[in-house]
Amino acid sequence: MTLLAVRHASLGYSRHPVLRDVSFTLSQGTICCLLGANGCGKTTLMRSILGVIPLLKGEILLDSLPVQTLSHRQRAQAIAWVPQAHDGIFAFSVLDMVLMGLAPTIGAFSVPGKQERLKATEQLEKLGILHLATRRWNTLSGGERQLALIARALVQQPRLLLLDEPASSLDFGHQIQLLDTLAQLKNNGMTMLMSTHHPLLAMQTPLPTALSR
């Protein structure tokens, strides 16, 4: 079953296309990797799938519905975004960061309860980082932050997971750990679209797709 369909999409900023006439489909329970140089439009495409950047032409469909017609809440409940891990200045605990993924469900200013904390700890446990729950974000390594960001996305229980350059700040060992994690998620039925500028990393995924300007 097709979950995501991008059809003849042209996208960019202020009517200046970054990508032109992009088309592909993504079936439920598959993983696809967007391969391209920095600045070729991978992140822009993902932001358009999120509904943040409007299309110049074409359409993006989620479950046969144009993403632009979905409310912010509907998009947030269906699609989760994993940004690039970066050096953190925040003193939030890892558990608190993961709980932020529930904001679309419980409201941005609501206080998470016992049930929400249980959901967050379950995702940390599934990713093998439950021991980091009380650690401060600004004390984590790049690999630990990336796994915590994935946990924050998964706690939303999305149908589609978007990962923007998830291995960009990782050493080889953590890249292997990341690929193992993504393989486990795929085996559990998660649909994923990730981006990278590393050809060797892209070739480790079942559906590498090249982007060029």
N, C-alpha and C. Protein backbone atom coordinates (compact mmCIF):
# COMPACT_ATOMS: atom_id res chain seq x y z
N MET A 1 0.84 -1.19 0.00
CA MET A 1 0.00 0.00 0.00
C MET A 1 0.88 1.25 0.00
N THR A 2 0.59 2.18 -0.88
CA THR A 2 1.36 3.42 -0.98
C THR A 2 0.96 4.37 0.15
N LEU A 3 1.95 4.75 0.95
CA LEU A 3 1.70 5.70 2.04
C LEU A 3 1.99 7.12 1.59
N LEU A 4 3.12 7.30 0.88
CA LEU A 4 3.54 8.63 0.45
C LEU A 4 3.72 8.64 -1.06
N ALA A 5 3.20 9.66 -1.70
CA ALA A 5 3.37 9.82 -3.14
C ALA A 5 3.76 11.27 -3.44
N VAL A 6 4.91 11.44 -4.07
CA VAL A 6 5.36 12.76 -4.52
C VAL A 6 5.25 12.76 -6.04
N ARG A 7 4.47 13.66 -6.59
CA ARG A 7 4.16 13.64 -8.02
C ARG A 7 4.52 14.96 -8.68
N HIS A 8 5.53 14.91 -9.54
CA HIS A 8 5.94 16.06 -10.35
C HIS A 8 6.08 17.32 -9.49
N ALA A 9 6.71 17.16 -8.35
CA ALA A 9 6.83 18.27 -7.40
C ALA A 9 8.01 19.17 -7.75
N SER A 10 7.74 20.46 -7.81
CA SER A 10 8.78 21.47 -7.88
C SER A 10 8.65 22.32 -6.62
N LEU A 11 9.78 22.56 -5.97
CA LEU A 11 9.71 23.26 -4.69
C LEU A 11 10.92 24.14 -4.49
N GLY A 12 10.73 25.16 -3.68
CA GLY A 12 11.82 26.08 -3.42
C GLY A 12 11.31 27.26 -2.61
N TYR A 13 11.98 28.40 -2.78
CA TYR A 13 11.68 29.58 -1.98
C TYR A 13 11.47 30.78 -2.90
N SER A 14 10.44 31.57 -2.60
CA SER A 14 10.16 32.81 -3.35
C SER A 14 10.10 32.56 -4.86
N ARG A 15 9.43 31.49 -5.22
CA ARG A 15 9.22 31.13 -6.62
C ARG A 15 10.49 30.69 -7.33
N HIS A 16 11.58 30.47 -6.60
CA HIS A 16 12.82 30.00 -7.20
C HIS A 16 12.99 28.52 -6.85
N PRO A 17 12.79 27.62 -7.83
CA PRO A 17 12.83 26.19 -7.54
C PRO A 17 14.21 25.72 -7.07
N VAL A 18 14.20 24.89 -6.05
CA VAL A 18 15.40 24.18 -5.62
C VAL A 18 15.43 22.80 -6.26
N LEU A 19 14.25 22.18 -6.36
CA LEU A 19 14.09 20.90 -7.04
C LEU A 19 12.95 21.02 -8.04
N ARG A 20 13.09 20.32 -9.16
CA ARG A 20 12.07 20.37 -10.20
C ARG A 20 11.62 18.96 -10.57
N ASP A 21 10.31 18.80 -10.72
CA ASP A 21 9.69 17.60 -11.27
C ASP A 21 10.15 16.32 -10.56
N VAL A 22 10.06 16.32 -9.24
CA VAL A 22 10.44 15.15 -8.44
C VAL A 22 9.22 14.24 -8.28
N SER A 23 9.41 12.95 -8.57
CA SER A 23 8.32 11.98 -8.41
C SER A 23 8.87 10.69 -7.81
N PHE A 24 8.20 10.19 -6.79
CA PHE A 24 8.49 8.87 -6.24
C PHE A 24 7.35 8.49 -5.30
N THR A 25 7.27 7.20 -5.00
CA THR A 25 6.29 6.70 -4.03
C THR A 25 7.01 5.90 -2.96
N LEU A 26 6.39 5.82 -1.81
CA LEU A 26 6.95 5.08 -0.69
C LEU A 26 5.84 4.23 -0.09
N SER A 27 6.05 2.91 -0.12
CA SER A 27 5.05 1.99 0.38
C SER A 27 5.16 1.83 1.89
N GLN A 28 4.07 1.43 2.50
CA GLN A 28 4.04 1.19 3.94
C GLN A 28 5.09 0.15 4.32
N GLY A 29 5.88 0.45 5.36
CA GLY A 29 6.85 -0.50 5.87
C GLY A 29 8.15 -0.57 5.09
N THR A 30 8.47 0.47 4.32
CA THR A 30 9.72 0.49 3.57
C THR A 30 10.58 1.67 4.03
N ILE A 31 11.86 1.62 3.62
CA ILE A 31 12.78 2.71 3.92
C ILE A 31 13.44 3.15 2.63
N CYS A 32 13.47 4.46 2.41
CA CYS A 32 14.08 5.03 1.21
C CYS A 32 15.10 6.08 1.64
N CYS A 33 16.21 6.12 0.93
CA CYS A 33 17.26 7.08 1.26
C CYS A 33 17.43 8.06 0.11
N LEU A 34 17.36 9.35 0.41
CA LEU A 34 17.62 10.40 -0.56
C LEU A 34 19.10 10.73 -0.53
N LEU A 35 19.78 10.53 -1.65
CA LEU A 35 21.22 10.76 -1.75
C LEU A 35 21.47 12.00 -2.59
N GLY A 36 22.26 12.92 -2.06
CA GLY A 36 22.59 14.11 -2.82
C GLY A 36 23.57 14.98 -2.06
N ALA A 37 24.24 15.85 -2.79
CA ALA A 37 25.21 16.75 -2.17
C ALA A 37 24.52 17.75 -1.25
N ASN A 38 25.28 18.32 -0.34
CA ASN A 38 24.73 19.37 0.51
C ASN A 38 24.20 20.51 -0.35
N GLY A 39 23.00 20.98 -0.03
CA GLY A 39 22.41 22.09 -0.76
C GLY A 39 21.61 21.70 -1.98
N CYS A 40 21.45 20.40 -2.23
CA CYS A 40 20.71 19.98 -3.44
C CYS A 40 19.20 19.97 -3.22
N GLY A 41 18.74 20.14 -1.99
CA GLY A 41 17.30 20.24 -1.76
C GLY A 41 16.69 19.12 -0.96
N LYS A 42 17.50 18.27 -0.35
CA LYS A 42 16.96 17.13 0.40
C LYS A 42 16.10 17.61 1.58
N THR A 43 16.65 18.54 2.35
CA THR A 43 15.91 19.05 3.51
C THR A 43 14.67 19.83 3.07
N THR A 44 14.78 20.58 1.98
CA THR A 44 13.63 21.31 1.46
C THR A 44 12.51 20.37 1.08
N LEU A 45 12.86 19.25 0.44
CA LEU A 45 11.84 18.26 0.08
C LEU A 45 11.16 17.71 1.32
N MET A 46 11.94 17.39 2.34
CA MET A 46 11.35 16.86 3.57
C MET A 46 10.44 17.89 4.23
N ARG A 47 10.83 19.15 4.21
CA ARG A 47 9.99 20.19 4.81
C ARG A 47 8.69 20.37 4.01
N SER A 48 8.75 20.12 2.72
CA SER A 48 7.53 20.17 1.92
C SER A 48 6.62 18.99 2.25
N ILE A 49 7.21 17.82 2.49
CA ILE A 49 6.42 16.66 2.90
C ILE A 49 5.75 16.95 4.24
N LEU A 50 6.45 17.66 5.11
CA LEU A 50 5.87 18.05 6.40
C LEU A 50 4.78 19.11 6.26
N GLY A 51 4.72 19.74 5.08
CA GLY A 51 3.73 20.80 4.88
C GLY A 51 4.21 22.16 5.31
N VAL A 52 5.50 22.28 5.64
CA VAL A 52 6.05 23.56 6.10
C VAL A 52 6.35 24.49 4.93
N ILE A 53 6.88 23.92 3.83
CA ILE A 53 7.21 24.70 2.64
C ILE A 53 6.23 24.33 1.54
N PRO A 54 5.46 25.29 1.03
CA PRO A 54 4.47 24.97 -0.01
C PRO A 54 5.14 24.61 -1.33
N LEU A 55 4.46 23.77 -2.10
CA LEU A 55 4.96 23.39 -3.41
C LEU A 55 4.77 24.52 -4.41
N LEU A 56 5.70 24.60 -5.37
CA LEU A 56 5.52 25.51 -6.49
C LEU A 56 4.67 24.86 -7.57
N LYS A 57 4.87 23.54 -7.75
CA LYS A 57 4.07 22.76 -8.69
C LYS A 57 3.95 21.34 -8.15
N GLY A 58 3.03 20.57 -8.71
CA GLY A 58 2.89 19.17 -8.35
C GLY A 58 2.10 18.96 -7.08
N GLU A 59 2.24 17.76 -6.51
CA GLU A 59 1.50 17.44 -5.29
C GLU A 59 2.25 16.41 -4.47
N ILE A 60 1.99 16.44 -3.17
CA ILE A 60 2.50 15.45 -2.23
C ILE A 60 1.30 14.88 -1.50
N LEU A 61 1.14 13.56 -1.57
CA LEU A 61 -0.02 12.89 -1.01
C LEU A 61 0.39 11.97 0.13
N LEU A 62 -0.34 12.02 1.20
CA LEU A 62 -0.18 11.09 2.31
C LEU A 62 -1.49 10.33 2.45
N ASP A 63 -1.43 9.03 2.24
CA ASP A 63 -2.67 8.24 2.22
C ASP A 63 -3.68 8.82 1.23
N SER A 64 -3.16 9.22 0.06
CA SER A 64 -3.97 9.75 -1.04
C SER A 64 -4.55 11.14 -0.77
N LEU A 65 -4.18 11.76 0.34
CA LEU A 65 -4.66 13.10 0.68
C LEU A 65 -3.52 14.11 0.55
N PRO A 66 -3.73 15.24 -0.12
CA PRO A 66 -2.69 16.27 -0.20
C PRO A 66 -2.29 16.74 1.20
N VAL A 67 -0.99 16.78 1.48
CA VAL A 67 -0.55 17.14 2.83
C VAL A 67 -0.97 18.56 3.18
N GLN A 68 -1.12 19.42 2.16
CA GLN A 68 -1.50 20.81 2.44
C GLN A 68 -2.92 20.92 2.99
N THR A 69 -3.74 19.89 2.74
CA THR A 69 -5.12 19.94 3.22
C THR A 69 -5.26 19.42 4.64
N LEU A 70 -4.19 18.82 5.17
CA LEU A 70 -4.23 18.30 6.53
C LEU A 70 -3.93 19.42 7.53
N SER A 71 -4.56 19.37 8.67
CA SER A 71 -4.27 20.35 9.72
C SER A 71 -2.89 20.09 10.30
N HIS A 72 -2.36 21.08 11.00
CA HIS A 72 -1.06 20.90 11.65
C HIS A 72 -1.09 19.70 12.59
N ARG A 73 -2.14 19.56 13.33
CA ARG A 73 -2.27 18.45 14.27
C ARG A 73 -2.30 17.11 13.54
N GLN A 74 -3.03 17.03 12.43
CA GLN A 74 -3.10 15.80 11.66
C GLN A 74 -1.74 15.42 11.09
N ARG A 75 -1.02 16.41 10.58
CA ARG A 75 0.31 16.13 10.04
C ARG A 75 1.26 15.67 11.14
N ALA A 76 1.20 16.33 12.28
CA ALA A 76 2.10 15.99 13.39
C ALA A 76 1.83 14.59 13.92
N GLN A 77 0.59 14.15 13.84
CA GLN A 77 0.25 12.81 14.33
C GLN A 77 0.60 11.73 13.32
N ALA A 78 0.76 12.11 12.04
CA ALA A 78 1.05 11.12 11.00
C ALA A 78 2.51 11.09 10.60
N ILE A 79 3.19 12.24 10.70
CA ILE A 79 4.57 12.35 10.24
C ILE A 79 5.44 12.87 11.37
N ALA A 80 6.56 12.21 11.60
CA ALA A 80 7.52 12.66 12.62
C ALA A 80 8.83 13.05 11.95
N TRP A 81 9.46 14.06 12.49
CA TRP A 81 10.67 14.66 11.90
C TRP A 81 11.84 14.47 12.85
N VAL A 82 12.93 13.92 12.33
CA VAL A 82 14.16 13.77 13.10
C VAL A 82 15.20 14.69 12.46
N PRO A 83 15.49 15.85 13.07
CA PRO A 83 16.47 16.76 12.50
C PRO A 83 17.89 16.26 12.74
N GLN A 84 18.84 16.96 12.16
CA GLN A 84 20.24 16.61 12.41
C GLN A 84 20.58 16.89 13.87
N ALA A 85 21.30 15.97 14.47
CA ALA A 85 21.74 16.18 15.85
C ALA A 85 22.77 17.31 15.87
N HIS A 86 22.70 18.14 16.88
CA HIS A 86 23.63 19.27 16.98
C HIS A 86 24.04 19.45 18.43
N ASP A 87 25.11 20.19 18.60
CA ASP A 87 25.57 20.46 19.96
C ASP A 87 24.46 21.16 20.73
N GLY A 88 24.16 20.65 21.91
CA GLY A 88 23.04 21.19 22.67
C GLY A 88 23.49 22.13 23.77
N ILE A 89 22.72 23.19 23.96
CA ILE A 89 22.97 24.09 25.09
C ILE A 89 21.88 23.91 26.15
N PHE A 90 20.91 23.03 25.82
CA PHE A 90 19.79 22.85 26.73
C PHE A 90 20.16 21.93 27.89
N ALA A 91 19.62 22.23 29.05
CA ALA A 91 19.87 21.40 30.23
C ALA A 91 18.71 20.47 30.51
N PHE A 92 17.79 20.32 29.53
CA PHE A 92 16.69 19.37 29.71
C PHE A 92 17.24 17.96 29.84
N SER A 93 16.52 17.13 30.56
CA SER A 93 16.89 15.72 30.60
C SER A 93 16.47 15.06 29.30
N VAL A 94 17.05 13.89 29.01
CA VAL A 94 16.68 13.15 27.81
C VAL A 94 15.20 12.79 27.85
N LEU A 95 14.70 12.39 29.01
CA LEU A 95 13.28 12.05 29.13
C LEU A 95 12.40 13.25 28.79
N ASP A 96 12.78 14.43 29.26
CA ASP A 96 12.00 15.63 28.95
C ASP A 96 12.02 15.93 27.46
N MET A 97 13.17 15.74 26.81
CA MET A 97 13.26 15.98 25.37
C MET A 97 12.35 15.02 24.61
N VAL A 98 12.32 13.77 25.02
CA VAL A 98 11.46 12.78 24.36
C VAL A 98 9.99 13.13 24.58
N LEU A 99 9.65 13.57 25.77
CA LEU A 99 8.27 13.95 26.07
C LEU A 99 7.78 15.10 25.20
N MET A 100 8.70 15.93 24.72
CA MET A 100 8.31 17.03 23.83
C MET A 100 7.69 16.51 22.54
N GLY A 101 8.00 15.27 22.18
CA GLY A 101 7.39 14.69 20.99
C GLY A 101 5.90 14.48 21.13
N LEU A 102 5.38 14.52 22.34
CA LEU A 102 3.95 14.33 22.58
C LEU A 102 3.15 15.63 22.53
N ALA A 103 3.84 16.75 22.30
CA ALA A 103 3.15 18.04 22.29
C ALA A 103 1.98 18.09 21.31
N PRO A 104 2.09 17.50 20.09
CA PRO A 104 0.93 17.54 19.19
C PRO A 104 -0.28 16.79 19.72
N THR A 105 -0.06 15.85 20.63
CA THR A 105 -1.16 15.04 21.16
C THR A 105 -1.77 15.64 22.41
N ILE A 106 -0.91 16.08 23.34
CA ILE A 106 -1.42 16.55 24.63
C ILE A 106 -1.48 18.07 24.72
N GLY A 107 -0.89 18.76 23.73
CA GLY A 107 -0.87 20.22 23.77
C GLY A 107 0.47 20.74 24.23
N ALA A 108 0.91 21.83 23.62
CA ALA A 108 2.25 22.35 23.89
C ALA A 108 2.45 22.80 25.34
N PHE A 109 1.37 23.21 26.02
CA PHE A 109 1.51 23.75 27.37
C PHE A 109 0.94 22.82 28.44
N SER A 110 0.61 21.59 28.04
CA SER A 110 0.10 20.61 29.01
C SER A 110 1.25 19.92 29.72
N VAL A 111 0.99 19.46 30.92
CA VAL A 111 2.01 18.75 31.70
C VAL A 111 1.85 17.25 31.46
N PRO A 112 2.91 16.58 30.99
CA PRO A 112 2.81 15.14 30.75
C PRO A 112 2.51 14.39 32.04
N GLY A 113 1.62 13.42 31.95
CA GLY A 113 1.27 12.61 33.11
C GLY A 113 1.99 11.27 33.11
N LYS A 114 1.53 10.38 33.97
CA LYS A 114 2.16 9.08 34.12
C LYS A 114 2.12 8.28 32.82
N GLN A 115 0.99 8.33 32.12
CA GLN A 115 0.86 7.58 30.88
C GLN A 115 1.84 8.08 29.82
N GLU A 116 1.99 9.39 29.71
CA GLU A 116 2.91 9.96 28.73
C GLU A 116 4.36 9.60 29.07
N ARG A 117 4.70 9.63 30.35
CA ARG A 117 6.05 9.26 30.75
C ARG A 117 6.34 7.79 30.47
N LEU A 118 5.31 6.96 30.61
CA LEU A 118 5.48 5.55 30.30
C LEU A 118 5.75 5.36 28.81
N LYS A 119 5.02 6.08 27.97
CA LYS A 119 5.25 6.00 26.52
C LYS A 119 6.68 6.41 26.17
N ALA A 120 7.16 7.47 26.81
CA ALA A 120 8.50 7.96 26.52
C ALA A 120 9.57 6.97 26.96
N THR A 121 9.41 6.40 28.15
CA THR A 121 10.41 5.44 28.64
C THR A 121 10.38 4.16 27.81
N GLU A 122 9.23 3.80 27.28
CA GLU A 122 9.14 2.61 26.42
C GLU A 122 9.97 2.81 25.16
N GLN A 123 9.92 4.00 24.57
CA GLN A 123 10.71 4.26 23.36
C GLN A 123 12.20 4.29 23.67
N LEU A 124 12.56 4.87 24.80
CA LEU A 124 13.97 4.87 25.20
C LEU A 124 14.47 3.44 25.40
N GLU A 125 13.63 2.60 25.98
CA GLU A 125 14.02 1.21 26.21
C GLU A 125 14.16 0.46 24.90
N LYS A 126 13.24 0.69 23.95
CA LYS A 126 13.31 0.01 22.66
C LYS A 126 14.58 0.35 21.91
N LEU A 127 15.06 1.59 22.08
CA LEU A 127 16.27 2.02 21.40
C LEU A 127 17.53 1.75 22.21
N GLY A 128 17.37 1.13 23.37
CA GLY A 128 18.52 0.76 24.18
C GLY A 128 19.19 1.91 24.89
N ILE A 129 18.45 3.00 25.14
CA ILE A 129 19.06 4.16 25.80
C ILE A 129 18.26 4.59 27.03
N LEU A 130 17.55 3.66 27.64
CA LEU A 130 16.79 3.99 28.84
C LEU A 130 17.70 4.50 29.95
N HIS A 131 18.94 4.03 29.96
CA HIS A 131 19.88 4.46 30.99
C HIS A 131 20.24 5.94 30.86
N LEU A 132 19.88 6.55 29.72
CA LEU A 132 20.18 7.98 29.52
C LEU A 132 19.03 8.88 29.94
N ALA A 133 17.94 8.32 30.43
CA ALA A 133 16.71 9.09 30.68
C ALA A 133 16.94 10.32 31.54
N THR A 134 17.78 10.22 32.55
CA THR A 134 17.99 11.35 33.46
C THR A 134 19.21 12.19 33.10
N ARG A 135 19.92 11.81 32.05
CA ARG A 135 21.09 12.58 31.62
C ARG A 135 20.67 13.90 31.00
N ARG A 136 21.49 14.91 31.16
CA ARG A 136 21.22 16.22 30.57
C ARG A 136 21.62 16.20 29.10
N TRP A 137 20.79 16.87 28.29
CA TRP A 137 20.99 16.85 26.84
C TRP A 137 22.39 17.33 26.45
N ASN A 138 22.88 18.36 27.13
CA ASN A 138 24.17 18.93 26.75
C ASN A 138 25.36 18.10 27.20
N THR A 139 25.11 16.93 27.79
CA THR A 139 26.21 16.04 28.17
C THR A 139 26.30 14.82 27.26
N LEU A 140 25.41 14.71 26.27
CA LEU A 140 25.35 13.52 25.42
C LEU A 140 26.34 13.60 24.27
N SER A 141 26.75 12.44 23.78
CA SER A 141 27.54 12.38 22.56
C SER A 141 26.63 12.54 21.36
N GLY A 142 27.22 12.72 20.17
CA GLY A 142 26.42 12.88 18.97
C GLY A 142 25.54 11.68 18.69
N GLY A 143 26.08 10.48 18.89
CA GLY A 143 25.29 9.28 18.67
C GLY A 143 24.15 9.14 19.65
N GLU A 144 24.40 9.50 20.90
CA GLU A 144 23.34 9.43 21.92
C GLU A 144 22.24 10.43 21.62
N ARG A 145 22.62 11.63 21.17
CA ARG A 145 21.61 12.63 20.82
C ARG A 145 20.74 12.16 19.66
N GLN A 146 21.40 11.53 18.66
CA GLN A 146 20.63 11.09 17.50
C GLN A 146 19.60 10.04 17.88
N LEU A 147 19.98 9.10 18.72
CA LEU A 147 19.04 8.08 19.17
C LEU A 147 17.92 8.70 20.00
N ALA A 148 18.25 9.70 20.81
CA ALA A 148 17.22 10.36 21.62
C ALA A 148 16.24 11.13 20.73
N LEU A 149 16.74 11.73 19.64
CA LEU A 149 15.85 12.43 18.71
C LEU A 149 14.92 11.45 18.01
N ILE A 150 15.43 10.26 17.70
CA ILE A 150 14.58 9.23 17.10
C ILE A 150 13.51 8.80 18.09
N ALA A 151 13.89 8.65 19.36
CA ALA A 151 12.90 8.29 20.39
C ALA A 151 11.83 9.38 20.51
N ARG A 152 12.24 10.65 20.43
CA ARG A 152 11.27 11.75 20.51
C ARG A 152 10.29 11.68 19.35
N ALA A 153 10.77 11.30 18.17
CA ALA A 153 9.88 11.17 17.01
C ALA A 153 8.96 9.97 17.14
N LEU A 154 9.49 8.85 17.62
CA LEU A 154 8.70 7.62 17.69
C LEU A 154 7.60 7.70 18.74
N VAL A 155 7.79 8.51 19.77
CA VAL A 155 6.77 8.61 20.82
C VAL A 155 5.48 9.21 20.26
N GLN A 156 5.58 9.89 19.12
CA GLN A 156 4.39 10.41 18.45
C GLN A 156 3.56 9.29 17.82
N GLN A 157 4.17 8.10 17.68
CA GLN A 157 3.54 6.97 16.99
C GLN A 157 3.16 7.36 15.56
N PRO A 158 4.13 7.85 14.79
CA PRO A 158 3.84 8.30 13.43
C PRO A 158 3.71 7.12 12.47
N ARG A 159 3.16 7.40 11.31
CA ARG A 159 3.13 6.41 10.24
C ARG A 159 4.33 6.59 9.32
N LEU A 160 4.86 7.81 9.26
CA LEU A 160 6.00 8.13 8.40
C LEU A 160 7.06 8.85 9.22
N LEU A 161 8.29 8.36 9.13
CA LEU A 161 9.41 8.94 9.87
C LEU A 161 10.38 9.56 8.88
N LEU A 162 10.64 10.86 9.02
CA LEU A 162 11.59 11.58 8.17
C LEU A 162 12.86 11.85 8.97
N LEU A 163 14.00 11.45 8.41
CA LEU A 163 15.28 11.62 9.10
C LEU A 163 16.22 12.43 8.22
N ASP A 164 16.60 13.61 8.67
CA ASP A 164 17.45 14.51 7.89
C ASP A 164 18.91 14.33 8.27
N GLU A 165 19.68 13.73 7.36
CA GLU A 165 21.11 13.49 7.58
C GLU A 165 21.37 12.90 8.96
N PRO A 166 20.76 11.79 9.30
CA PRO A 166 20.88 11.26 10.67
C PRO A 166 22.29 10.81 11.03
N ALA A 167 23.14 10.56 10.03
CA ALA A 167 24.48 10.06 10.32
C ALA A 167 25.56 11.13 10.16
N SER A 168 25.16 12.38 9.94
CA SER A 168 26.14 13.41 9.58
C SER A 168 27.17 13.67 10.67
N SER A 169 26.79 13.52 11.93
CA SER A 169 27.71 13.83 13.02
C SER A 169 28.21 12.58 13.74
N LEU A 170 28.00 11.42 13.13
CA LEU A 170 28.31 10.17 13.80
C LEU A 170 29.61 9.56 13.28
N ASP A 171 30.36 8.93 14.18
CA ASP A 171 31.51 8.16 13.74
C ASP A 171 31.03 6.83 13.17
N PHE A 172 31.97 6.03 12.67
CA PHE A 172 31.59 4.80 11.97
C PHE A 172 30.80 3.86 12.87
N GLY A 173 31.23 3.72 14.10
CA GLY A 173 30.55 2.81 15.02
C GLY A 173 29.11 3.21 15.26
N HIS A 174 28.88 4.51 15.46
CA HIS A 174 27.52 4.98 15.69
C HIS A 174 26.68 4.93 14.41
N GLN A 175 27.33 5.05 13.23
CA GLN A 175 26.60 4.88 11.97
C GLN A 175 26.05 3.46 11.86
N ILE A 176 26.85 2.48 12.22
CA ILE A 176 26.40 1.09 12.20
C ILE A 176 25.25 0.89 13.18
N GLN A 177 25.37 1.49 14.36
CA GLN A 177 24.30 1.40 15.36
C GLN A 177 23.01 2.02 14.83
N LEU A 178 23.15 3.16 14.13
CA LEU A 178 21.99 3.83 13.56
C LEU A 178 21.31 2.95 12.53
N LEU A 179 22.10 2.34 11.63
CA LEU A 179 21.53 1.48 10.59
C LEU A 179 20.83 0.28 11.21
N ASP A 180 21.41 -0.27 12.26
CA ASP A 180 20.77 -1.40 12.96
C ASP A 180 19.42 -0.96 13.54
N THR A 181 19.39 0.25 14.11
CA THR A 181 18.15 0.77 14.68
C THR A 181 17.09 0.95 13.60
N LEU A 182 17.48 1.51 12.46
CA LEU A 182 16.53 1.72 11.37
C LEU A 182 16.02 0.40 10.81
N ALA A 183 16.91 -0.60 10.75
CA ALA A 183 16.48 -1.92 10.27
C ALA A 183 15.45 -2.53 11.21
N GLN A 184 15.65 -2.36 12.52
CA GLN A 184 14.68 -2.87 13.50
C GLN A 184 13.34 -2.16 13.35
N LEU A 185 13.38 -0.85 13.13
CA LEU A 185 12.14 -0.09 12.95
C LEU A 185 11.40 -0.55 11.70
N LYS A 186 12.15 -0.78 10.63
CA LYS A 186 11.54 -1.27 9.39
C LYS A 186 10.90 -2.63 9.61
N ASN A 187 11.58 -3.51 10.33
CA ASN A 187 11.03 -4.84 10.60
C ASN A 187 9.74 -4.76 11.43
N ASN A 188 9.60 -3.66 12.18
CA ASN A 188 8.38 -3.46 12.98
C ASN A 188 7.30 -2.71 12.21
N GLY A 189 7.55 -2.47 10.90
CA GLY A 189 6.52 -1.87 10.06
C GLY A 189 6.60 -0.37 9.87
N MET A 190 7.66 0.27 10.38
CA MET A 190 7.78 1.72 10.24
C MET A 190 8.18 2.09 8.81
N THR A 191 7.60 3.15 8.28
CA THR A 191 7.95 3.68 6.97
C THR A 191 8.88 4.87 7.17
N MET A 192 10.02 4.87 6.44
CA MET A 192 11.03 5.89 6.69
C MET A 192 11.58 6.48 5.41
N LEU A 193 11.86 7.77 5.46
CA LEU A 193 12.55 8.48 4.39
C LEU A 193 13.70 9.22 5.04
N MET A 194 14.93 8.89 4.66
CA MET A 194 16.10 9.54 5.25
C MET A 194 16.93 10.18 4.15
N SER A 195 17.76 11.13 4.53
CA SER A 195 18.64 11.79 3.57
C SER A 195 20.09 11.64 4.01
N THR A 196 20.97 11.68 3.02
CA THR A 196 22.40 11.60 3.31
C THR A 196 23.18 12.12 2.10
N HIS A 197 24.41 12.55 2.34
CA HIS A 197 25.30 12.88 1.23
C HIS A 197 26.43 11.86 1.13
N HIS A 198 26.30 10.75 1.88
CA HIS A 198 27.30 9.69 1.86
C HIS A 198 26.81 8.53 0.99
N PRO A 199 27.39 8.30 -0.20
CA PRO A 199 26.93 7.21 -1.08
C PRO A 199 26.98 5.84 -0.42
N LEU A 200 28.03 5.56 0.34
CA LEU A 200 28.15 4.23 0.95
C LEU A 200 27.03 3.99 1.96
N LEU A 201 26.66 5.03 2.69
CA LEU A 201 25.57 4.88 3.65
C LEU A 201 24.25 4.66 2.92
N ALA A 202 24.05 5.39 1.82
CA ALA A 202 22.81 5.23 1.06
C ALA A 202 22.67 3.82 0.51
N MET A 203 23.78 3.23 0.09
CA MET A 203 23.71 1.90 -0.50
C MET A 203 23.39 0.82 0.53
N GLN A 204 23.43 1.16 1.81
CA GLN A 204 23.06 0.20 2.85
C GLN A 204 21.55 0.12 3.04
N THR A 205 20.80 1.01 2.38
CA THR A 205 19.35 1.00 2.49
C THR A 205 18.75 0.37 1.25
N PRO A 206 17.53 -0.19 1.35
CA PRO A 206 16.95 -0.92 0.22
C PRO A 206 16.62 -0.06 -0.99
N LEU A 207 16.27 1.22 -0.80
CA LEU A 207 15.79 2.05 -1.90
C LEU A 207 16.53 3.38 -1.97
N PRO A 208 17.84 3.38 -2.35
CA PRO A 208 18.53 4.65 -2.49
C PRO A 208 18.00 5.43 -3.69
N THR A 209 17.76 6.73 -3.53
CA THR A 209 17.23 7.58 -4.59
C THR A 209 18.11 8.82 -4.69
N ALA A 210 18.65 9.08 -5.88
CA ALA A 210 19.58 10.19 -6.05
C ALA A 210 18.83 11.47 -6.38
N LEU A 211 19.28 12.58 -5.80
CA LEU A 211 18.76 13.90 -6.12
C LEU A 211 19.91 14.75 -6.64
N SER A 212 19.64 15.54 -7.68
CA SER A 212 20.65 16.46 -8.19
C SER A 212 19.97 17.73 -8.64
N ARG A 213 20.72 18.81 -8.66
CA ARG A 213 20.14 20.10 -9.06
C ARG A 213 20.44 20.33 -10.54
